[in-house]
Protein backbone atom coordinates (compact mmCIF):
# COMPACT_ATOMS: atom_id res chain seq x y z
CA MET A 1 -75.29 -52.15 -21.01
CA LYS A 2 -71.92 -52.76 -19.47
CA SER A 3 -68.95 -50.46 -19.25
CA ASP A 4 -66.46 -51.63 -21.81
CA LEU A 5 -63.61 -51.24 -18.99
CA GLU A 6 -65.43 -53.95 -16.89
CA ASN A 7 -64.04 -56.52 -19.47
CA ILE A 8 -60.44 -55.47 -19.24
CA SER A 9 -58.25 -56.90 -16.68
CA LEU A 10 -55.85 -54.61 -14.98
CA GLU A 11 -52.77 -56.66 -15.71
CA SER A 12 -53.51 -56.64 -19.48
CA VAL A 13 -53.05 -52.86 -20.02
CA PHE A 14 -50.09 -51.55 -21.47
CA ASN A 15 -49.31 -47.94 -22.62
CA LEU A 16 -47.37 -47.11 -25.67
CA ASP A 17 -44.19 -47.30 -23.83
CA GLY A 18 -44.75 -50.58 -22.73
CA THR A 19 -45.44 -49.91 -19.07
CA ASN A 20 -47.97 -52.26 -17.42
CA TYR A 21 -50.82 -50.54 -15.54
CA LEU A 22 -49.99 -52.48 -12.51
CA THR A 23 -46.56 -51.14 -12.49
CA PHE A 24 -47.74 -47.74 -13.13
CA ARG A 25 -50.17 -47.84 -10.18
CA LYS A 26 -47.65 -48.85 -7.63
CA ASN A 27 -46.22 -45.17 -7.68
CA LEU A 28 -49.48 -43.61 -6.99
CA LYS A 29 -50.10 -42.32 -3.49
CA PRO A 30 -52.95 -40.33 -1.92
CA SER A 31 -52.18 -36.57 -1.53
CA TYR A 32 -53.69 -36.01 1.93
CA LYS A 33 -52.87 -32.22 1.52
CA LYS A 34 -55.08 -32.06 -1.51
CA THR A 35 -57.79 -33.94 0.45
CA PHE A 36 -57.46 -31.49 3.38
CA PHE A 37 -57.49 -28.56 0.87
CA ASP A 38 -60.85 -30.00 -0.73
CA VAL A 39 -62.63 -30.39 2.55
CA ALA A 40 -61.57 -27.11 3.60
CA LYS A 41 -63.03 -25.53 0.57
CA GLY A 42 -66.27 -27.14 1.43
CA TYR A 43 -66.36 -25.59 4.98
CA PHE A 44 -65.18 -22.20 3.80
CA PHE A 45 -68.13 -21.95 1.09
CA LEU A 46 -70.42 -23.17 3.69
CA ALA A 47 -69.38 -20.43 5.98
CA LEU A 48 -69.45 -17.88 3.06
CA ILE A 49 -73.04 -18.93 2.08
CA PHE A 50 -74.18 -18.63 5.66
CA PHE A 51 -72.60 -15.14 5.66
CA VAL A 52 -74.31 -13.99 2.42
CA SER A 53 -77.42 -15.45 3.46
CA LEU A 54 -77.67 -13.52 6.75
CA LEU A 55 -76.87 -10.37 4.93
CA LEU A 56 -79.75 -11.05 2.42
CA ILE A 57 -82.46 -11.92 4.91
CA LYS A 58 -81.61 -8.57 6.89
CA SER A 59 -82.00 -6.46 3.95
CA GLY A 60 -85.85 -6.99 4.17
CA LEU A 61 -88.66 -9.33 3.81
CA ARG A 62 -88.88 -9.14 -0.17
CA ILE A 63 -85.12 -9.93 -0.48
CA ALA A 64 -85.35 -12.68 2.04
CA ILE A 65 -88.00 -14.48 0.19
CA ALA A 66 -86.28 -14.19 -3.10
CA ALA A 67 -83.03 -15.28 -1.73
CA PHE A 68 -84.43 -18.22 0.34
CA PRO A 69 -84.43 -20.76 -2.58
CA VAL A 70 -81.03 -19.69 -3.99
CA CYS A 71 -79.35 -19.86 -0.65
CA ALA A 72 -81.06 -23.08 0.23
CA LEU A 73 -79.94 -24.34 -3.29
CA LEU A 74 -76.47 -23.49 -2.71
CA ILE A 75 -76.32 -24.80 1.07
CA GLY A 76 -77.56 -28.15 -0.23
CA TYR A 77 -75.11 -28.10 -3.14
CA ASN A 78 -72.32 -27.44 -0.73
CA LEU A 79 -73.54 -30.28 1.60
CA ALA A 80 -73.73 -32.86 -1.37
CA TYR A 81 -70.01 -31.88 -2.06
CA LEU A 82 -68.67 -32.41 1.48
CA HIS A 83 -70.89 -35.65 1.71
CA LEU A 84 -68.55 -37.17 -1.26
CA PHE A 85 -65.50 -37.03 1.19
CA ILE A 86 -67.23 -39.73 3.33
CA HIS A 87 -66.61 -41.97 0.28
CA ALA A 88 -62.99 -40.70 0.38
CA GLY A 89 -62.68 -41.69 3.98
CA ALA A 90 -64.15 -45.14 3.03
CA HIS A 91 -61.17 -45.88 0.77
CA TYR A 92 -58.65 -44.28 3.48
CA ASN A 93 -58.03 -41.13 1.59
CA LEU A 94 -58.36 -38.71 4.43
CA HIS A 95 -55.51 -39.61 6.50
CA PRO A 96 -52.53 -42.21 6.57
CA ASN A 97 -53.65 -43.47 9.96
CA LYS A 98 -56.84 -45.52 9.48
CA GLN A 99 -58.23 -44.76 12.86
CA LYS A 100 -57.52 -40.96 12.38
CA ASN A 101 -59.10 -41.37 8.84
CA ASP A 102 -62.32 -42.73 10.28
CA ARG A 103 -62.33 -40.07 13.13
CA ILE A 104 -61.96 -37.23 10.56
CA SER A 105 -64.87 -38.80 8.41
CA ASP A 106 -67.12 -39.09 11.44
CA TYR A 107 -66.52 -35.95 13.42
CA PHE A 108 -65.78 -33.39 10.67
CA ILE A 109 -68.10 -34.58 7.69
CA GLY A 110 -70.55 -37.56 8.75
CA VAL A 111 -71.75 -35.47 11.59
CA PHE A 112 -73.56 -33.39 9.27
CA PHE A 113 -75.54 -36.24 7.99
CA GLY A 114 -75.45 -38.89 10.83
CA ILE A 115 -73.26 -41.11 9.01
CA ARG A 116 -70.59 -43.16 10.79
CA GLN A 117 -67.89 -44.31 8.49
CA LYS A 118 -67.65 -47.84 9.98
CA ASP A 119 -71.38 -48.54 8.92
CA TYR A 120 -70.89 -46.52 5.51
CA ARG A 121 -67.84 -48.44 4.65
CA LYS A 122 -69.65 -51.73 4.86
CA THR A 123 -72.64 -50.66 2.92
CA HIS A 124 -70.35 -49.11 0.27
CA TRP A 125 -68.21 -52.29 -0.17
CA MET A 126 -71.58 -54.04 -0.88
CA HIS A 127 -72.19 -51.43 -3.60
CA HIS A 128 -68.71 -52.49 -5.28
CA ALA A 129 -69.26 -55.99 -4.95
CA ASN A 130 -72.97 -55.86 -6.18
CA LEU A 131 -72.97 -52.93 -8.81
CA GLY A 132 -75.91 -53.48 -11.22
CA MET A 133 -77.15 -56.34 -9.37
CA LYS A 134 -80.62 -56.38 -7.63
CA ASN A 135 -79.06 -56.39 -4.32
CA ASP A 136 -76.96 -53.31 -4.74
CA SER A 137 -76.84 -51.36 -1.50
CA GLU A 138 -76.68 -48.09 -3.33
CA HIS A 139 -79.46 -48.07 -5.76
CA SER A 140 -81.06 -44.84 -6.57
CA TYR A 141 -80.22 -45.56 -10.16
CA PHE A 142 -82.99 -48.32 -9.97
CA ASN A 143 -85.27 -45.46 -10.38
CA GLU A 144 -86.13 -43.59 -13.68
CA LEU A 145 -85.24 -40.00 -13.81
CA ASN A 146 -88.52 -38.34 -14.10
CA THR A 147 -90.81 -35.78 -12.59
CA ILE A 148 -92.33 -38.16 -10.13
CA PHE A 149 -88.86 -39.24 -8.86
CA LEU A 150 -87.78 -35.82 -8.51
CA LEU A 151 -90.93 -34.94 -6.30
CA LYS A 152 -90.34 -38.12 -4.14
CA CYS A 153 -86.86 -36.66 -3.56
CA MET A 154 -87.94 -33.13 -2.70
CA LEU A 155 -90.70 -34.58 -0.45
CA GLY A 156 -88.41 -36.80 1.40
CA ILE A 157 -90.02 -40.02 0.28
CA HIS A 158 -87.15 -41.26 -1.50
CA THR A 159 -84.74 -40.25 1.30
CA ILE A 160 -86.80 -42.31 3.98
CA SER A 161 -86.63 -45.31 1.67
CA VAL A 162 -82.86 -45.03 1.41
CA PHE A 163 -82.52 -44.67 5.09
CA LEU A 164 -84.64 -47.63 6.00
CA SER A 165 -82.58 -49.64 3.19
CA ARG A 166 -79.39 -48.59 4.80
CA GLN A 167 -80.36 -49.54 8.27
CA LYS A 168 -81.46 -52.79 7.09
CA ASP A 169 -77.98 -53.47 5.60
CA ILE A 170 -76.30 -52.08 8.57
CA SER A 171 -78.23 -54.38 10.98
CA ARG A 172 -77.22 -57.34 8.80
CA SER A 173 -73.44 -56.63 8.93
CA ASP A 174 -73.21 -54.95 12.28
CA LYS A 175 -76.22 -55.27 15.12
CA SER A 176 -74.61 -52.65 17.23
CA GLY A 177 -75.59 -49.90 14.70
CA PHE A 178 -74.40 -46.43 15.64
CA THR A 179 -72.62 -46.03 18.82
CA LEU A 180 -74.29 -44.13 21.64
CA PHE A 181 -71.29 -41.61 21.71
CA PHE A 182 -71.49 -40.81 17.88
CA ASN A 183 -75.31 -40.39 18.28
CA MET A 184 -74.94 -38.03 21.18
CA TYR A 185 -72.30 -36.09 19.29
CA VAL A 186 -74.63 -35.71 16.23
CA ILE A 187 -77.35 -34.51 18.37
CA LEU A 188 -75.41 -32.02 20.33
CA PHE A 189 -73.68 -30.73 16.98
CA HIS A 190 -76.84 -30.17 15.32
CA GLY A 191 -78.64 -28.67 18.59
CA LEU A 192 -75.82 -26.19 18.73
CA LEU A 193 -75.74 -25.40 14.98
CA LEU A 194 -79.32 -24.75 14.97
CA THR A 195 -79.02 -22.55 18.20
CA ILE A 196 -76.25 -20.39 16.45
CA LEU A 197 -78.12 -20.14 13.30
CA PHE A 198 -81.39 -19.01 14.98
CA PHE A 199 -79.38 -16.47 17.23
CA LEU A 200 -77.64 -15.05 14.09
CA GLY A 201 -80.56 -14.96 11.62
CA GLY A 202 -83.64 -16.13 13.44
CA TRP A 203 -86.27 -18.50 11.84
CA LYS A 204 -85.39 -17.25 8.33
CA LEU A 205 -81.67 -18.64 8.48
CA LEU A 206 -83.09 -21.86 10.23
CA LEU A 207 -85.42 -22.51 7.30
CA ILE A 208 -82.72 -21.90 4.74
CA TRP A 209 -80.32 -24.43 6.45
CA LEU A 210 -83.09 -27.04 6.95
CA ALA A 211 -84.32 -26.74 3.30
CA GLY A 212 -80.59 -27.13 2.09
CA LEU A 213 -80.16 -30.07 4.35
CA LEU A 214 -83.25 -32.06 4.34
CA ILE A 215 -84.56 -31.27 0.77
CA VAL A 216 -81.72 -29.90 -1.51
CA PHE A 217 -79.01 -32.22 -0.40
CA PRO A 218 -80.73 -35.60 -0.58
CA THR A 219 -82.31 -34.65 -3.95
CA LEU A 220 -78.87 -33.79 -5.45
CA ALA A 221 -77.16 -36.97 -3.90
CA ALA A 222 -79.82 -39.22 -5.45
CA ILE A 223 -79.75 -37.39 -8.89
CA ARG A 224 -76.02 -37.76 -8.74
CA GLN A 225 -75.87 -41.44 -8.17
CA LEU A 226 -78.53 -42.05 -10.63
CA LEU A 227 -76.45 -40.08 -13.49
CA GLU A 228 -73.50 -42.14 -12.45
CA HIS A 229 -75.01 -45.53 -12.90
CA ARG A 230 -78.40 -45.60 -14.76
CA ASP A 231 -78.35 -47.19 -18.11
CA PHE A 232 -79.72 -45.06 -20.99
CA GLU A 233 -81.91 -48.05 -22.10
CA ALA A 234 -83.05 -48.92 -18.64
CA SER A 235 -87.01 -49.42 -18.78
CA GLY A 236 -89.09 -47.38 -16.32
CA THR A 237 -91.45 -50.20 -15.72
CA THR A 238 -88.81 -52.80 -14.71
CA ASN A 239 -88.35 -53.48 -11.07
CA TYR A 240 -84.66 -53.59 -10.67
CA GLN A 241 -85.05 -54.87 -7.19
CA GLU A 242 -86.37 -58.07 -8.84
CA THR A 243 -84.34 -57.84 -12.12
CA ASP A 244 -80.49 -56.95 -12.59
CA HIS A 245 -79.95 -53.65 -13.96
CA GLY A 246 -76.46 -54.33 -15.24
CA LYS A 247 -73.18 -52.53 -14.55
CA VAL A 248 -72.97 -48.93 -15.76
CA SER A 249 -70.50 -46.34 -14.68
CA ARG A 250 -69.62 -43.10 -16.30
CA LEU A 251 -66.65 -40.54 -16.92
CA PHE A 252 -67.51 -36.99 -16.54
CA GLY A 253 -65.61 -33.82 -17.24
CA GLY A 254 -63.32 -31.58 -15.36
CA GLY A 255 -65.28 -28.15 -15.34
CA PHE A 256 -66.59 -26.49 -12.45
CA ILE A 257 -70.06 -28.28 -12.14
CA ASP A 258 -68.38 -31.81 -12.85
CA ASN A 259 -65.68 -31.15 -10.40
CA SER A 260 -67.90 -29.96 -7.52
CA PHE A 261 -71.06 -32.02 -8.15
CA GLY A 262 -68.64 -34.98 -8.66
CA ALA A 263 -66.16 -34.17 -6.20
CA ALA A 264 -63.61 -36.55 -4.48
CA GLY A 265 -63.15 -38.37 -7.78
CA PHE A 266 -66.83 -39.10 -8.50
CA ASN A 267 -66.60 -37.41 -11.74
CA ARG A 268 -64.29 -40.11 -12.75
CA HIS A 269 -66.53 -42.81 -11.54
CA LEU A 270 -65.83 -45.39 -14.60
CA LEU A 271 -62.18 -45.41 -13.38
CA HIS A 272 -62.93 -45.71 -9.73
CA HIS A 273 -65.20 -48.77 -10.21
CA TRP A 274 -62.69 -50.40 -12.64
CA ASP A 275 -59.85 -50.04 -9.98
CA PRO A 276 -61.29 -49.03 -6.49
CA THR A 277 -57.75 -49.16 -4.93
CA VAL A 278 -56.69 -46.06 -6.59
CA PRO A 279 -56.92 -42.79 -4.47
CA TYR A 280 -59.36 -40.19 -5.77
CA THR A 281 -56.35 -37.60 -5.97
CA SER A 282 -54.75 -39.97 -8.63
CA LEU A 283 -57.61 -40.68 -10.86
CA SER A 284 -56.68 -37.90 -13.35
CA LYS A 285 -53.23 -39.56 -13.70
CA ILE A 286 -55.10 -43.00 -14.33
CA GLU A 287 -57.10 -41.29 -17.11
CA ASP A 288 -54.04 -39.82 -18.63
CA PHE A 289 -52.35 -43.23 -18.63
CA LEU A 290 -55.49 -45.13 -20.04
CA LEU A 291 -55.59 -42.31 -22.99
CA ASN A 292 -52.10 -43.45 -23.74
CA CYS A 293 -52.95 -47.21 -23.98
CA PRO A 294 -54.18 -48.71 -27.22
CA GLU A 295 -56.71 -50.95 -25.49
CA THR A 296 -58.42 -48.23 -23.59
CA SER A 297 -57.95 -44.83 -25.30
CA ASN A 298 -61.01 -44.92 -27.45
CA ILE A 299 -63.10 -46.42 -24.52
CA ILE A 300 -61.96 -43.26 -22.32
CA LYS A 301 -62.83 -40.85 -25.26
CA GLU A 302 -66.19 -42.35 -25.91
CA ASN A 303 -67.25 -42.51 -22.30
CA LYS A 304 -66.40 -38.86 -21.58
CA THR A 305 -69.67 -36.92 -20.82
CA SER A 306 -70.97 -34.43 -18.33
CA TYR A 307 -73.53 -34.43 -15.73
CA LEU A 308 -75.66 -32.02 -17.39
CA LYS A 309 -75.58 -34.03 -20.74
CA THR A 310 -76.32 -37.20 -18.83
CA PHE A 311 -79.41 -35.59 -17.01
CA LEU A 312 -80.84 -34.46 -20.25
CA ALA A 313 -80.43 -37.69 -21.78
CA LEU A 314 -82.12 -39.53 -18.88
CA PHE A 315 -84.82 -37.25 -18.01
CA LYS A 316 -88.24 -38.31 -18.91
CA PHE A 317 -91.54 -36.20 -18.04
């Protein structure tokens, strides 16, 4: 299956007023203030979750045990939210200065995950160039969404395979890998964070953080990408590393879950893959424009869904 937008060229789209899409796009600029606010929200809620977790684990062992999965889930969800802004950085949506853009991505977002923007951008560009093909660099959607896949994610098996694949892609394009300075920064950052968490909440708060970072976050990240690109007709027995899967991208809603689980414009993934040059802060304007174009209006309406609906449609026991 292919997204219908894939067959429509940018220059051929006109709205009812006769305005060409390329002309309309020229006036779209990134809103760096909105991006700053969006990232700041992630930091605020992460601090809030830590505060609430600390209160709960100090309320007694029973409450701490009951709170553990909920707090770990919230931390992992919030990390999955923040992680998406590395992608915004890959498209230079964090700061107008490209060097500062990459530094913000590295030292305020990528540090949580050990992801350097220079490496991520190269890998992500391969994803845009090879979407749906067997050599796609971001290919969690090659997996069928089933119980076994979810277990692999939660046990770290899928995460390790993704990490090894990314390292292979990085080594092909940049043999220098991570810089020593960034590696040391990541180690010192996590060492300091773990020390502070242990000092504040002991091993209980440490376990909540580690479960959120190492189990919940990678599981949610893998599921999100799968929901965005997995074909409903894809076979669970086909090896898509040997056979092309085909291009699929979806358009999700604007509710709380779709806006947070698909933050930084991921909930409008169909539009992003059609025209990657548009800043994520302008994707809603692109959607409104295309709804007013005879050639694309029905396509936008028919592709509108939600992450939850897509999960239920794709999941197989």
